[in-house]
Every structure is written in C-alpha cells, then in structure tokens.
Amino acid sequence: MTYFKIKKTADQRKRIDGSIYVANELYTLKEKEKYNIPVAYYDTIEIPKSKIYFMFGARFAMEK
C-alpha cells in the first residue's frame, strides 16, 4: 500500500488542524489530502499493511 512518510525536517511543524507532524509518521492518500500536507514534508513509500503499527495514535512502519 502507498503511504506518505513525514520527513525528519518536518518534525514538530503544525498541521492545519492545530496538531503537529511527527517524523516518520505515515499518512494515507486520503489523510494527505485532508491535511493538505506540503510535498516538501513527505516521501512516498510502498509498504504492506502487515508492516505497520500504531503508537500514541500515529501510524509507523516497522524497522527492518
């Protein structure tokens, strides 16, 4: 599945809803559009859903 991974340079920047971006957090296409995430803030990655986990309400990829 395609996810949008927040870069370390965008860590702790504010989202339009008042929350913050967390480095390495993953967003889906629908979430990316909802929060209008700037292209400079993320990298596009392909990762299976079985390699995803949630921590404190944020989605992350398991490390290799």
PDB file of N, CA and C in Angstrom:
ATOM      1  N   MET A   1       0.843  -1.178   0.000  1.00  0.00           N
ATOM      2  CA  MET A   1       0.000   0.000   0.000  1.00  0.00           C
ATOM      3  C   MET A   1       0.891   1.246   0.000  1.00  0.00           C
ATOM      4  N   THR A   2       0.418   2.299  -0.587  1.00  0.00           N
ATOM      5  CA  THR A   2       1.170   3.548  -0.663  1.00  0.00           C
ATOM      6  C   THR A   2       0.895   4.401   0.575  1.00  0.00           C
ATOM      7  N   TYR A   3       1.979   4.856   1.205  1.00  0.00           N
ATOM      8  CA  TYR A   3       1.882   5.754   2.354  1.00  0.00           C
ATOM      9  C   TYR A   3       2.773   6.958   2.105  1.00  0.00           C
ATOM     10  N   PHE A   4       2.531   8.003   2.854  1.00  0.00           N
ATOM     11  CA  PHE A   4       3.318   9.224   2.771  1.00  0.00           C
ATOM     12  C   PHE A   4       3.997   9.411   4.118  1.00  0.00           C
ATOM     13  N   LYS A   5       5.328   9.257   4.124  1.00  0.00           N
ATOM     14  CA  LYS A   5       6.128   9.268   5.348  1.00  0.00           C
ATOM     15  C   LYS A   5       6.682  10.669   5.596  1.00  0.00           C
ATOM     16  N   ILE A   6       6.394  11.201   6.755  1.00  0.00           N
ATOM     17  CA  ILE A   6       6.849  12.553   7.110  1.00  0.00           C
ATOM     18  C   ILE A   6       8.367  12.564   7.305  1.00  0.00           C
ATOM     19  N   LYS A   7       9.023  13.522   6.678  1.00  0.00           N
ATOM     20  CA  LYS A   7      10.477  13.660   6.781  1.00  0.00           C
ATOM     21  C   LYS A   7      10.867  14.210   8.153  1.00  0.00           C
ATOM     22  N   LYS A   8      12.101  13.948   8.552  1.00  0.00           N
ATOM     23  CA  LYS A   8      12.609  14.455   9.832  1.00  0.00           C
ATOM     24  C   LYS A   8      12.651  15.978   9.856  1.00  0.00           C
ATOM     25  N   THR A   9      12.810  16.600   8.694  1.00  0.00           N
ATOM     26  CA  THR A   9      12.865  18.064   8.626  1.00  0.00           C
ATOM     27  C   THR A   9      11.505  18.705   8.906  1.00  0.00           C
ATOM     28  N   ALA A  10      10.422  17.924   8.797  1.00  0.00           N
ATOM     29  CA  ALA A  10       9.072  18.453   9.052  1.00  0.00           C
ATOM     30  C   ALA A  10       8.582  18.103  10.456  1.00  0.00           C
ATOM     31  N   ASP A  11       9.414  17.452  11.250  1.00  0.00           N
ATOM     32  CA  ASP A  11       9.043  17.058  12.606  1.00  0.00           C
ATOM     33  C   ASP A  11       8.655  18.280  13.439  1.00  0.00           C
ATOM     34  N   GLN A  12       7.545  18.170  14.143  1.00  0.00           N
ATOM     35  CA  GLN A  12       7.026  19.187  15.055  1.00  0.00           C
ATOM     36  C   GLN A  12       6.452  20.428  14.368  1.00  0.00           C
ATOM     37  N   ARG A  13       6.272  20.385  13.070  1.00  0.00           N
ATOM     38  CA  ARG A  13       5.611  21.506  12.387  1.00  0.00           C
ATOM     39  C   ARG A  13       4.104  21.362  12.545  1.00  0.00           C
ATOM     40  N   LYS A  14       3.411  22.470  12.581  1.00  0.00           N
ATOM     41  CA  LYS A  14       1.957  22.450  12.799  1.00  0.00           C
ATOM     42  C   LYS A  14       1.187  22.028  11.560  1.00  0.00           C
ATOM     43  N   ARG A  15       0.131  21.226  11.803  1.00  0.00           N
ATOM     44  CA  ARG A  15      -0.812  20.875  10.754  1.00  0.00           C
ATOM     45  C   ARG A  15      -1.916  21.920  10.730  1.00  0.00           C
ATOM     46  N   ILE A  16      -2.757  21.884   9.695  1.00  0.00           N
ATOM     47  CA  ILE A  16      -3.835  22.867   9.582  1.00  0.00           C
ATOM     48  C   ILE A  16      -4.896  22.706  10.670  1.00  0.00           C
ATOM     49  N   ASP A  17      -4.953  21.518  11.304  1.00  0.00           N
ATOM     50  CA  ASP A  17      -5.933  21.297  12.366  1.00  0.00           C
ATOM     51  C   ASP A  17      -5.379  21.645  13.749  1.00  0.00           C
ATOM     52  N   GLY A  18      -4.154  22.176  13.807  1.00  0.00           N
ATOM     53  CA  GLY A  18      -3.565  22.593  15.072  1.00  0.00           C
ATOM     54  C   GLY A  18      -2.675  21.540  15.707  1.00  0.00           C
ATOM     55  N   SER A  19      -2.724  20.315  15.220  1.00  0.00           N
ATOM     56  CA  SER A  19      -1.864  19.239  15.707  1.00  0.00           C
ATOM     57  C   SER A  19      -0.474  19.431  15.092  1.00  0.00           C
ATOM     58  N   ILE A  20       0.415  18.463  15.282  1.00  0.00           N
ATOM     59  CA  ILE A  20       1.761  18.560  14.712  1.00  0.00           C
ATOM     60  C   ILE A  20       2.077  17.331  13.866  1.00  0.00           C
ATOM     61  N   TYR A  21       3.055  17.477  12.977  1.00  0.00           N
ATOM     62  CA  TYR A  21       3.584  16.350  12.217  1.00  0.00           C
ATOM     63  C   TYR A  21       4.656  15.685  13.066  1.00  0.00           C
ATOM     64  N   VAL A  22       4.734  14.367  12.987  1.00  0.00           N
ATOM     65  CA  VAL A  22       5.734  13.596  13.716  1.00  0.00           C
ATOM     66  C   VAL A  22       6.631  12.913  12.685  1.00  0.00           C
ATOM     67  N   ALA A  23       7.946  13.037  12.857  1.00  0.00           N
ATOM     68  CA  ALA A  23       8.885  12.419  11.914  1.00  0.00           C
ATOM     69  C   ALA A  23       8.600  10.928  11.790  1.00  0.00           C
ATOM     70  N   ASN A  24       8.627  10.423  10.574  1.00  0.00           N
ATOM     71  CA  ASN A  24       8.414   9.021  10.209  1.00  0.00           C
ATOM     72  C   ASN A  24       6.969   8.557  10.325  1.00  0.00           C
ATOM     73  N   GLU A  25       6.052   9.434  10.686  1.00  0.00           N
ATOM     74  CA  GLU A  25       4.638   9.068  10.736  1.00  0.00           C
ATOM     75  C   GLU A  25       4.145   8.830   9.311  1.00  0.00           C
ATOM     76  N   LEU A  26       3.237   7.875   9.158  1.00  0.00           N
ATOM     77  CA  LEU A  26       2.700   7.533   7.846  1.00  0.00           C
ATOM     78  C   LEU A  26       1.275   8.051   7.698  1.00  0.00           C
ATOM     79  N   TYR A  27       0.989   8.590   6.534  1.00  0.00           N
ATOM     80  CA  TYR A  27      -0.352   9.061   6.199  1.00  0.00           C
ATOM     81  C   TYR A  27      -0.824   8.351   4.942  1.00  0.00           C
ATOM     82  N   THR A  28      -2.116   8.114   4.846  1.00  0.00           N
ATOM     83  CA  THR A  28      -2.712   7.570   3.630  1.00  0.00           C
ATOM     84  C   THR A  28      -2.971   8.724   2.662  1.00  0.00           C
ATOM     85  N   LEU A  29      -3.343   8.387   1.444  1.00  0.00           N
ATOM     86  CA  LEU A  29      -3.655   9.413   0.445  1.00  0.00           C
ATOM     87  C   LEU A  29      -4.801  10.303   0.925  1.00  0.00           C
ATOM     88  N   LYS A  30      -5.821   9.696   1.480  1.00  0.00           N
ATOM     89  CA  LYS A  30      -6.974  10.461   1.959  1.00  0.00           C
ATOM     90  C   LYS A  30      -6.575  11.431   3.086  1.00  0.00           C
ATOM     91  N   GLU A  31      -5.729  10.961   4.015  1.00  0.00           N
ATOM     92  CA  GLU A  31      -5.257  11.825   5.101  1.00  0.00           C
ATOM     93  C   GLU A  31      -4.366  12.940   4.567  1.00  0.00           C
ATOM     94  N   LYS A  32      -3.520  12.616   3.590  1.00  0.00           N
ATOM     95  CA  LYS A  32      -2.625  13.627   2.991  1.00  0.00           C
ATOM     96  C   LYS A  32      -3.442  14.759   2.384  1.00  0.00           C
ATOM     97  N   GLU A  33      -4.510  14.392   1.699  1.00  0.00           N
ATOM     98  CA  GLU A  33      -5.368  15.401   1.084  1.00  0.00           C
ATOM     99  C   GLU A  33      -6.156  16.176   2.142  1.00  0.00           C
ATOM    100  N   LYS A  34      -6.628  15.484   3.172  1.00  0.00           N
ATOM    101  CA  LYS A  34      -7.403  16.125   4.238  1.00  0.00           C
ATOM    102  C   LYS A  34      -6.584  17.203   4.955  1.00  0.00           C
ATOM    103  N   TYR A  35      -5.324  16.883   5.269  1.00  0.00           N
ATOM    104  CA  TYR A  35      -4.467  17.821   5.998  1.00  0.00           C
ATOM    105  C   TYR A  35      -3.653  18.714   5.072  1.00  0.00           C
ATOM    106  N   ASN A  36      -3.798  18.520   3.753  1.00  0.00           N
ATOM    107  CA  ASN A  36      -3.101  19.347   2.766  1.00  0.00           C
ATOM    108  C   ASN A  36      -1.600  19.406   3.067  1.00  0.00           C
ATOM    109  N   ILE A  37      -0.985  18.241   3.191  1.00  0.00           N
ATOM    110  CA  ILE A  37       0.430  18.154   3.557  1.00  0.00           C
ATOM    111  C   ILE A  37       1.289  18.623   2.378  1.00  0.00           C
ATOM    112  N   PRO A  38       2.179  19.592   2.613  1.00  0.00           N
ATOM    113  CA  PRO A  38       3.056  20.073   1.537  1.00  0.00           C
ATOM    114  C   PRO A  38       3.994  18.971   1.034  1.00  0.00           C
ATOM    115  N   VAL A  39       4.271  18.968  -0.251  1.00  0.00           N
ATOM    116  CA  VAL A  39       5.122  17.954  -0.880  1.00  0.00           C
ATOM    117  C   VAL A  39       6.496  17.888  -0.211  1.00  0.00           C
ATOM    118  N   ALA A  40       7.023  18.999   0.234  1.00  0.00           N
ATOM    119  CA  ALA A  40       8.347  19.037   0.850  1.00  0.00           C
ATOM    120  C   ALA A  40       8.390  18.327   2.207  1.00  0.00           C
ATOM    121  N   TYR A  41       7.241  18.003   2.783  1.00  0.00           N
ATOM    122  CA  TYR A  41       7.175  17.395   4.108  1.00  0.00           C
ATOM    123  C   TYR A  41       7.184  15.875   4.091  1.00  0.00           C
ATOM    124  N   TYR A  42       7.017  15.215   2.944  1.00  0.00           N
ATOM    125  CA  TYR A  42       6.889  13.761   2.945  1.00  0.00           C
ATOM    126  C   TYR A  42       7.632  13.086   1.793  1.00  0.00           C
ATOM    127  N   ASP A  43       7.875  11.783   1.989  1.00  0.00           N
ATOM    128  CA  ASP A  43       8.372  10.893   0.947  1.00  0.00           C
ATOM    129  C   ASP A  43       7.284   9.851   0.723  1.00  0.00           C
ATOM    130  N   THR A  44       7.103   9.430  -0.515  1.00  0.00           N
ATOM    131  CA  THR A  44       6.121   8.396  -0.841  1.00  0.00           C
ATOM    132  C   THR A  44       6.797   7.041  -0.741  1.00  0.00           C
ATOM    133  N   ILE A  45       6.164   6.106   0.002  1.00  0.00           N
ATOM    134  CA  ILE A  45       6.733   4.767   0.149  1.00  0.00           C
ATOM    135  C   ILE A  45       5.658   3.711  -0.074  1.00  0.00           C
ATOM    136  N   GLU A  46       6.088   2.542  -0.478  1.00  0.00           N
ATOM    137  CA  GLU A  46       5.220   1.374  -0.620  1.00  0.00           C
ATOM    138  C   GLU A  46       5.574   0.411   0.500  1.00  0.00           C
ATOM    139  N   ILE A  47       4.589   0.013   1.278  1.00  0.00           N
ATOM    140  CA  ILE A  47       4.829  -0.910   2.389  1.00  0.00           C
ATOM    141  C   ILE A  47       3.554  -1.708   2.642  1.00  0.00           C
ATOM    142  N   PRO A  48       3.680  -3.003   2.907  1.00  0.00           N
ATOM    143  CA  PRO A  48       2.475  -3.803   3.171  1.00  0.00           C
ATOM    144  C   PRO A  48       1.853  -3.427   4.514  1.00  0.00           C
ATOM    145  N   LYS A  49       0.540  -3.584   4.602  1.00  0.00           N
ATOM    146  CA  LYS A  49      -0.175  -3.256   5.841  1.00  0.00           C
ATOM    147  C   LYS A  49       0.326  -4.082   7.022  1.00  0.00           C
ATOM    148  N   SER A  50       0.861  -5.262   6.749  1.00  0.00           N
ATOM    149  CA  SER A  50       1.357  -6.129   7.823  1.00  0.00           C
ATOM    150  C   SER A  50       2.631  -5.582   8.472  1.00  0.00           C
ATOM    151  N   LYS A  51       3.255  -4.587   7.875  1.00  0.00           N
ATOM    152  CA  LYS A  51       4.485  -3.978   8.402  1.00  0.00           C
ATOM    153  C   LYS A  51       4.221  -2.625   9.057  1.00  0.00           C
ATOM    154  N   ILE A  52       2.960  -2.357   9.419  1.00  0.00           N
ATOM    155  CA  ILE A  52       2.557  -1.085  10.014  1.00  0.00           C
ATOM    156  C   ILE A  52       2.152  -1.305  11.460  1.00  0.00           C
ATOM    157  N   TYR A  53       2.461  -0.338  12.324  1.00  0.00           N
ATOM    158  CA  TYR A  53       1.983  -0.389  13.712  1.00  0.00           C
ATOM    159  C   TYR A  53       1.576   1.017  14.148  1.00  0.00           C
ATOM    160  N   PHE A  54       0.800   1.087  15.207  1.00  0.00           N
ATOM    161  CA  PHE A  54       0.342   2.361  15.759  1.00  0.00           C
ATOM    162  C   PHE A  54       0.971   2.588  17.125  1.00  0.00           C
ATOM    163  N   MET A  55       1.398   3.815  17.370  1.00  0.00           N
ATOM    164  CA  MET A  55       1.925   4.206  18.677  1.00  0.00           C
ATOM    165  C   MET A  55       1.391   5.604  18.969  1.00  0.00           C
ATOM    166  N   PHE A  56       0.795   5.782  20.130  1.00  0.00           N
ATOM    167  CA  PHE A  56       0.166   7.027  20.585  1.00  0.00           C
ATOM    168  C   PHE A  56      -0.698   7.668  19.508  1.00  0.00           C
ATOM    169  N   GLY A  57      -1.439   6.824  18.768  1.00  0.00           N
ATOM    170  CA  GLY A  57      -2.362   7.312  17.756  1.00  0.00           C
ATOM    171  C   GLY A  57      -1.767   7.647  16.413  1.00  0.00           C
ATOM    172  N   ALA A  58      -0.479   7.396  16.230  1.00  0.00           N
ATOM    173  CA  ALA A  58       0.184   7.668  14.957  1.00  0.00           C
ATOM    174  C   ALA A  58       0.603   6.355  14.307  1.00  0.00           C
ATOM    175  N   ARG A  59       0.617   6.315  12.988  1.00  0.00           N
ATOM    176  CA  ARG A  59       0.964   5.115  12.215  1.00  0.00           C
ATOM    177  C   ARG A  59       2.431   5.185  11.814  1.00  0.00           C
ATOM    178  N   PHE A  60       3.142   4.070  12.031  1.00  0.00           N
ATOM    179  CA  PHE A  60       4.556   3.990  11.686  1.00  0.00           C
ATOM    180  C   PHE A  60       4.860   2.679  10.983  1.00  0.00           C
ATOM    181  N   ALA A  61       5.993   2.611  10.263  1.00  0.00           N
ATOM    182  CA  ALA A  61       6.454   1.390   9.623  1.00  0.00           C
ATOM    183  C   ALA A  61       7.431   0.679  10.556  1.00  0.00           C
ATOM    184  N   MET A  62       7.354  -0.657  10.570  1.00  0.00           N
ATOM    185  CA  MET A  62       8.300  -1.437  11.370  1.00  0.00           C
ATOM    186  C   MET A  62       9.677  -1.306  10.750  1.00  0.00           C
ATOM    187  N   GLU A  63      10.689  -1.204  11.602  1.00  0.00           N
ATOM    188  CA  GLU A  63      12.070  -1.113  11.132  1.00  0.00           C
ATOM    189  C   GLU A  63      12.527  -2.476  10.635  1.00  0.00           C
ATOM    190  N   LYS A  64      13.443  -2.482   9.710  1.00  0.00           N
ATOM    191  CA  LYS A  64      13.945  -3.736   9.136  1.00  0.00           C
ATOM    192  C   LYS A  64      14.888  -4.428  10.078  1.00  0.00           C
TER     193      LYS A  64
END
